[in-house]
Amino acid sequence: MRRQAVRGRFESNPMREWVYFSPDYVRRRFNRLASVYTLLDWLGLPPGMRRAAVRALDLHPGNRVLEVGCGTGRNFSLLLDSIGTEGHLYGVDFAGQMLQRAQALCSRRKWRNVTLVQSDASRYTLPEAVDAALFSLSYALMPNHTAVLAHAWQQLRPGGRLVVMDARTPPGALGRIARPFLIWISRATVLGNPDERPWEDLGALTPHVELRNYALGTYFVCRGTKA
């Protein structure tokens, strides 16, 4: 099955199914990428994707919001603009150097309503329930992502929204043509499994799931609402 984790090597055949990297390897890889992550973001992410993901959270001033796999804090400005100074943002990541840069960003911007947690994303504990949770380009990286999703879901208050924004293999003929390259580049860069379907994982938690595709179906934003 696709849940198998490996230390870091991958098969050279791009037609093979995705094999997950071990959490320790992913942590080391993203610690090394911390200094260039913003550049990778500019080069690879379609314009407006982060804003679309934050908009789907339907945040309001005073809300509490969680970002799982927050990295260097690329979404923090958008999230904090939405919840205001009376709201609170929790960021969880297991890559220490990513969080160091997120903390430096918070210090530069004088954001006092941000709490950063270095932890396995299936084990942290928040001091309060949150109104919304976000996975931004992080869900498909996690070999235990369904457990991580269930854990984040538990942190939501009733009526809370959970949003996943990520890349995917596009549907139809385009996907069949592009899939070998997408699997190869995703393995080579440790960007995550492009065949993951988090809207189906959310469907196991709630019947209230919405999906919107972007950039010819190569990116998506999906949202589940807690009854």
Protein backbone atom coordinates (compact mmCIF):
# COMPACT_ATOMS: atom_id res chain seq x y z
CA MET A 1 0.00 0.00 0.00
CA ARG A 2 0.99 3.65 -0.34
CA ARG A 3 1.50 4.08 3.41
CA GLN A 4 4.96 2.42 3.35
CA ALA A 5 7.74 4.82 4.42
CA VAL A 6 11.34 4.68 3.26
CA ARG A 7 14.47 6.46 4.42
CA GLY A 8 14.91 8.70 1.43
CA ARG A 9 15.67 6.77 -1.73
CA PHE A 10 13.05 6.23 -4.39
CA GLU A 11 12.67 3.95 -7.36
CA SER A 12 13.90 5.40 -10.66
CA ASN A 13 10.78 4.20 -12.50
CA PRO A 14 8.36 7.18 -12.46
CA MET A 15 5.40 4.91 -13.24
CA ARG A 16 5.64 3.20 -9.85
CA GLU A 17 3.18 4.06 -7.10
CA TRP A 18 4.11 6.66 -4.52
CA VAL A 19 6.24 5.49 -1.58
CA TYR A 20 6.27 7.70 1.48
CA PHE A 21 9.52 8.98 2.92
CA SER A 22 10.16 8.45 6.61
CA PRO A 23 9.18 11.35 8.89
CA ASP A 24 12.81 11.77 9.95
CA TYR A 25 13.95 12.12 6.33
CA VAL A 26 11.20 14.66 5.58
CA ARG A 27 12.18 16.65 8.67
CA ARG A 28 15.84 16.79 7.62
CA ARG A 29 14.89 17.69 4.07
CA PHE A 30 12.66 20.60 5.09
CA ASN A 31 15.20 21.86 7.60
CA ARG A 32 17.61 22.14 4.67
CA LEU A 33 14.95 23.81 2.48
CA ALA A 34 13.99 26.39 5.11
CA SER A 35 16.29 29.09 3.72
CA VAL A 36 14.92 28.79 0.14
CA TYR A 37 11.32 27.84 0.82
CA THR A 38 9.96 31.27 -0.12
CA LEU A 39 11.70 31.07 -3.50
CA LEU A 40 10.26 27.61 -4.15
CA ASP A 41 6.84 28.99 -3.27
CA TRP A 42 7.12 31.80 -5.80
CA LEU A 43 8.37 29.44 -8.52
CA GLY A 44 5.88 26.61 -8.06
CA LEU A 45 2.61 27.87 -6.59
CA PRO A 46 -0.07 29.46 -8.81
CA PRO A 47 -0.89 33.05 -7.79
CA GLY A 48 -3.71 33.39 -5.33
CA MET A 49 -3.70 29.82 -4.01
CA ARG A 50 -2.85 30.76 -0.43
CA ARG A 51 -5.46 33.48 -0.43
CA ALA A 52 -8.07 31.03 -1.77
CA ALA A 53 -7.25 28.56 1.01
CA VAL A 54 -7.54 31.20 3.73
CA ARG A 55 -10.77 32.54 2.22
CA ALA A 56 -12.25 29.02 2.41
CA LEU A 57 -11.65 29.00 6.19
CA ASP A 58 -14.33 31.70 6.51
CA LEU A 59 -12.48 33.41 9.37
CA HIS A 60 -13.77 36.33 11.43
CA PRO A 61 -12.17 38.73 13.93
CA GLY A 62 -11.55 36.98 17.22
CA ASN A 63 -11.42 33.47 15.72
CA ARG A 64 -8.91 30.84 16.80
CA VAL A 65 -7.17 29.10 13.88
CA LEU A 66 -4.69 26.23 13.59
CA GLU A 67 -2.22 25.68 10.76
CA VAL A 68 -0.82 22.14 10.56
CA GLY A 69 2.55 22.10 8.84
CA CYS A 70 2.89 25.88 9.03
CA GLY A 71 6.50 25.92 7.79
CA THR A 72 8.10 29.36 7.71
CA GLY A 73 4.78 31.16 8.18
CA ARG A 74 3.91 31.93 4.57
CA ASN A 75 0.18 32.04 5.44
CA PHE A 76 0.48 33.94 8.71
CA SER A 77 -0.13 37.41 7.32
CA LEU A 78 -3.33 36.34 5.55
CA LEU A 79 -4.57 34.41 8.58
CA LEU A 80 -3.85 37.22 11.04
CA ASP A 81 -5.44 39.82 8.79
CA SER A 82 -8.61 37.72 8.96
CA ILE A 83 -8.75 37.08 12.72
CA GLY A 84 -7.39 40.44 13.91
CA THR A 85 -5.43 41.15 17.06
CA GLU A 86 -8.18 39.67 19.22
CA GLY A 87 -7.89 36.28 17.48
CA HIS A 88 -5.16 33.69 17.95
CA LEU A 89 -3.10 31.60 15.53
CA TYR A 90 -1.53 28.23 16.41
CA GLY A 91 1.18 26.92 14.08
CA VAL A 92 2.42 23.32 14.27
CA ASP A 93 5.44 21.94 12.43
CA PHE A 94 8.05 19.28 13.15
CA ALA A 95 10.93 20.97 11.28
CA GLY A 96 12.76 23.12 13.79
CA GLN A 97 14.49 25.37 11.27
CA MET A 98 11.19 26.09 9.56
CA LEU A 99 9.73 27.15 12.90
CA GLN A 100 12.77 29.29 13.68
CA ARG A 101 12.06 31.30 10.55
CA ALA A 102 8.37 31.48 11.42
CA GLN A 103 9.29 32.80 14.87
CA ALA A 104 11.66 35.36 13.37
CA LEU A 105 8.84 36.52 11.07
CA CYS A 106 6.50 36.92 14.06
CA SER A 107 9.16 38.94 15.89
CA ARG A 108 9.78 41.23 12.91
CA ARG A 109 6.07 41.84 12.40
CA LYS A 110 5.43 42.14 16.16
CA TRP A 111 2.68 39.52 16.07
CA ARG A 112 1.87 38.71 19.71
CA ASN A 113 -1.10 36.42 19.09
CA VAL A 114 0.80 33.49 17.52
CA THR A 115 1.78 30.28 19.32
CA LEU A 116 4.24 27.97 17.55
CA VAL A 117 4.51 24.29 18.46
CA GLN A 118 7.25 21.91 17.29
CA SER A 119 5.62 18.50 17.28
CA ASP A 120 4.53 15.48 15.33
CA ALA A 121 1.27 16.66 13.78
CA SER A 122 -0.66 13.76 15.30
CA ARG A 123 0.43 14.40 18.91
CA TYR A 124 0.25 18.11 19.84
CA THR A 125 -2.36 19.44 22.25
CA LEU A 126 -3.93 22.88 21.94
CA PRO A 127 -5.12 24.81 25.02
CA GLU A 128 -8.50 25.52 23.41
CA ALA A 129 -10.77 24.47 20.58
CA VAL A 130 -10.30 26.37 17.32
CA ASP A 131 -12.70 27.75 14.76
CA ALA A 132 -10.71 26.58 11.75
CA ALA A 133 -7.73 24.45 10.74
CA LEU A 134 -5.55 24.65 7.63
CA PHE A 135 -3.27 22.20 5.83
CA SER A 136 -1.38 24.20 3.20
CA LEU A 137 0.90 22.10 0.96
CA SER A 138 1.50 19.78 3.91
CA TYR A 139 -1.15 17.06 3.91
CA ALA A 140 0.24 14.97 1.06
CA LEU A 141 3.67 14.82 2.74
CA MET A 142 2.48 12.96 5.80
CA PRO A 143 2.59 9.14 5.77
CA ASN A 144 0.10 9.15 8.68
CA HIS A 145 -2.04 11.92 7.24
CA THR A 146 -5.41 10.34 8.05
CA ALA A 147 -4.39 10.18 11.74
CA VAL A 148 -3.15 13.77 11.52
CA LEU A 149 -6.42 14.82 9.91
CA ALA A 150 -8.46 13.11 12.63
CA HIS A 151 -6.34 14.79 15.31
CA ALA A 152 -6.81 18.24 13.78
CA TRP A 153 -10.55 17.52 13.45
CA GLN A 154 -10.71 16.86 17.18
CA GLN A 155 -9.32 20.35 17.82
CA LEU A 156 -12.24 21.99 15.98
CA ARG A 157 -15.26 23.36 17.79
CA PRO A 158 -18.70 22.42 16.40
CA GLY A 159 -19.25 24.39 13.21
CA GLY A 160 -15.50 24.67 12.64
CA ARG A 161 -13.96 24.44 9.16
CA LEU A 162 -10.97 22.35 8.06
CA VAL A 163 -9.32 23.26 4.74
CA VAL A 164 -6.68 21.40 2.73
CA MET A 165 -4.85 23.18 -0.10
CA ASP A 166 -2.43 21.12 -2.17
CA ALA A 167 -1.36 19.96 -5.61
CA ARG A 168 -2.88 16.93 -7.30
CA THR A 169 -2.80 14.80 -10.41
CA PRO A 170 -5.39 16.52 -12.61
CA PRO A 171 -8.39 14.50 -13.78
CA GLY A 172 -8.89 13.20 -17.30
CA ALA A 173 -6.43 12.92 -20.17
CA LEU A 174 -4.19 15.69 -18.81
CA GLY A 175 -3.70 13.70 -15.62
CA ARG A 176 -2.87 10.49 -17.44
CA ILE A 177 -0.24 12.30 -19.48
CA ALA A 178 1.20 14.31 -16.59
CA ARG A 179 1.15 11.67 -13.85
CA PRO A 180 4.54 10.02 -14.55
CA PHE A 181 6.27 13.41 -14.42
CA LEU A 182 4.32 14.50 -11.34
CA ILE A 183 5.23 11.33 -9.45
CA TRP A 184 8.89 11.72 -10.45
CA ILE A 185 9.21 15.41 -9.54
CA SER A 186 7.25 14.97 -6.31
CA ARG A 187 9.52 12.15 -5.21
CA ALA A 188 12.67 14.00 -6.22
CA THR A 189 11.69 17.13 -4.32
CA VAL A 190 9.76 15.44 -1.45
CA LEU A 191 6.73 17.64 -2.21
CA GLY A 192 4.17 14.96 -1.40
CA ASN A 193 1.94 12.42 -3.09
CA PRO A 194 -0.01 14.03 -5.97
CA ASP A 195 -2.52 11.16 -5.92
CA GLU A 196 -3.84 11.91 -2.42
CA ARG A 197 -7.56 12.73 -2.21
CA PRO A 198 -8.08 14.50 1.12
CA TRP A 199 -11.67 15.38 0.24
CA GLU A 200 -12.40 11.65 0.50
CA ASP A 201 -10.59 11.47 3.86
CA LEU A 202 -12.69 14.43 5.03
CA GLY A 203 -15.78 12.62 3.81
CA ALA A 204 -15.13 9.93 6.41
CA LEU A 205 -15.43 12.63 9.11
CA THR A 206 -18.29 14.76 7.82
CA PRO A 207 -20.88 14.80 5.02
CA HIS A 208 -20.25 18.53 4.60
CA VAL A 209 -17.32 18.55 2.14
CA GLU A 210 -16.66 21.00 -0.69
CA LEU A 211 -13.97 20.83 -3.39
CA ARG A 212 -12.76 23.49 -5.80
CA ASN A 213 -10.08 22.93 -8.44
CA TYR A 214 -7.58 25.50 -9.74
CA ALA A 215 -4.96 25.78 -12.49
CA LEU A 216 -6.48 23.17 -14.82
CA GLY A 217 -7.10 20.84 -11.90
CA THR A 218 -3.47 20.70 -10.80
CA TYR A 219 -4.26 22.40 -7.46
CA PHE A 220 -7.30 22.22 -5.22
CA VAL A 221 -8.87 23.62 -2.08
CA CYS A 222 -11.21 21.33 -0.17
CA ARG A 223 -13.17 22.10 2.99
CA GLY A 224 -14.99 20.05 5.57
CA THR A 225 -17.34 21.58 8.15
CA LYS A 226 -17.80 19.98 11.56
CA ALA A 227 -21.46 19.39 12.35
